[in-house]
């Protein structure tokens, strides 16, 4: 896609922003990058806030053995 740079700047079509409420715009060598900023209420930011303590030291390495014993 090409866009004309006007006096005010460039208009980026909303469909390219995939529902973002805010974007970060930064200049890198040779290009301008527009990145969507995730909403603060995005559930992915809540992952790991309240980890479960199981007393097992290798649960992240062998989760299936603990979730499905004997399988």
Protein backbone atom coordinates (compact mmCIF):
# COMPACT_ATOMS: atom_id res chain seq x y z
CA UNK A 1 0.00 0.00 0.00
CA UNK A 2 1.18 3.48 -0.79
CA UNK A 3 -0.05 6.71 0.79
CA UNK A 4 0.45 10.37 -0.04
CA UNK A 5 2.22 12.41 2.64
CA UNK A 6 0.21 15.58 3.13
CA UNK A 7 0.86 18.69 5.20
CA UNK A 8 -0.64 16.98 8.31
CA UNK A 9 1.18 13.67 7.74
CA UNK A 10 -0.06 10.26 6.58
CA UNK A 11 -3.43 8.64 7.21
CA UNK A 12 -3.17 4.94 8.13
CA UNK A 13 -6.35 2.97 7.34
CA UNK A 14 -8.04 1.55 10.46
CA UNK A 15 -8.24 -1.94 8.94
CA UNK A 16 -4.44 -2.12 9.11
CA UNK A 17 -4.48 -1.37 12.85
CA UNK A 18 -6.68 -4.39 13.75
CA UNK A 19 -8.79 -2.67 16.40
CA UNK A 20 -5.91 -1.01 18.28
CA UNK A 21 -6.89 1.87 20.57
CA UNK A 22 -3.35 3.29 20.64
CA UNK A 23 -0.21 2.82 18.59
CA UNK A 24 3.46 3.49 19.17
CA UNK A 25 5.20 5.25 16.30
CA UNK A 26 8.97 5.19 16.21
CA UNK A 27 11.65 5.98 13.70
CA UNK A 28 14.28 3.33 13.08
CA UNK A 29 17.17 3.57 10.62
CA UNK A 30 15.60 3.51 7.16
CA UNK A 31 11.97 3.02 8.27
CA UNK A 32 9.09 4.22 10.43
CA UNK A 33 7.42 1.55 12.58
CA UNK A 34 3.81 1.67 13.81
CA UNK A 35 3.07 -0.85 16.59
CA UNK A 36 -0.31 -1.39 18.26
CA UNK A 37 -0.23 -0.97 22.06
CA UNK A 38 -2.23 -3.70 23.81
CA UNK A 39 -5.08 -2.51 26.01
CA UNK A 40 -4.24 -2.64 29.76
CA UNK A 41 -7.26 -4.87 30.39
CA UNK A 42 -5.91 -7.49 27.96
CA UNK A 43 -6.05 -10.82 29.86
CA UNK A 44 -2.57 -11.77 28.67
CA UNK A 45 -1.14 -9.19 31.10
CA UNK A 46 -2.73 -11.08 34.01
CA UNK A 47 -0.88 -14.32 33.27
CA UNK A 48 1.62 -15.13 35.98
CA UNK A 49 0.26 -12.58 38.47
CA UNK A 50 -0.79 -15.32 40.91
CA UNK A 51 1.38 -18.37 40.30
CA UNK A 52 0.49 -21.64 41.99
CA UNK A 53 3.01 -23.07 44.43
CA UNK A 54 3.17 -26.83 44.16
CA UNK A 55 6.50 -27.70 45.74
CA UNK A 56 7.57 -29.31 42.46
CA UNK A 57 10.71 -27.84 40.93
CA UNK A 58 10.37 -29.18 37.37
CA UNK A 59 6.65 -28.69 36.61
CA UNK A 60 7.38 -26.34 33.71
CA UNK A 61 9.76 -28.88 32.16
CA UNK A 62 7.48 -31.95 32.54
CA UNK A 63 3.89 -30.66 32.85
CA UNK A 64 2.24 -33.71 31.28
CA UNK A 65 3.64 -36.02 33.96
CA UNK A 66 1.96 -33.93 36.64
CA UNK A 67 -1.27 -33.15 34.79
CA UNK A 68 -1.83 -36.68 33.48
CA UNK A 69 -0.08 -39.10 35.85
CA UNK A 70 0.14 -42.64 34.53
CA UNK A 71 -0.72 -41.68 30.95
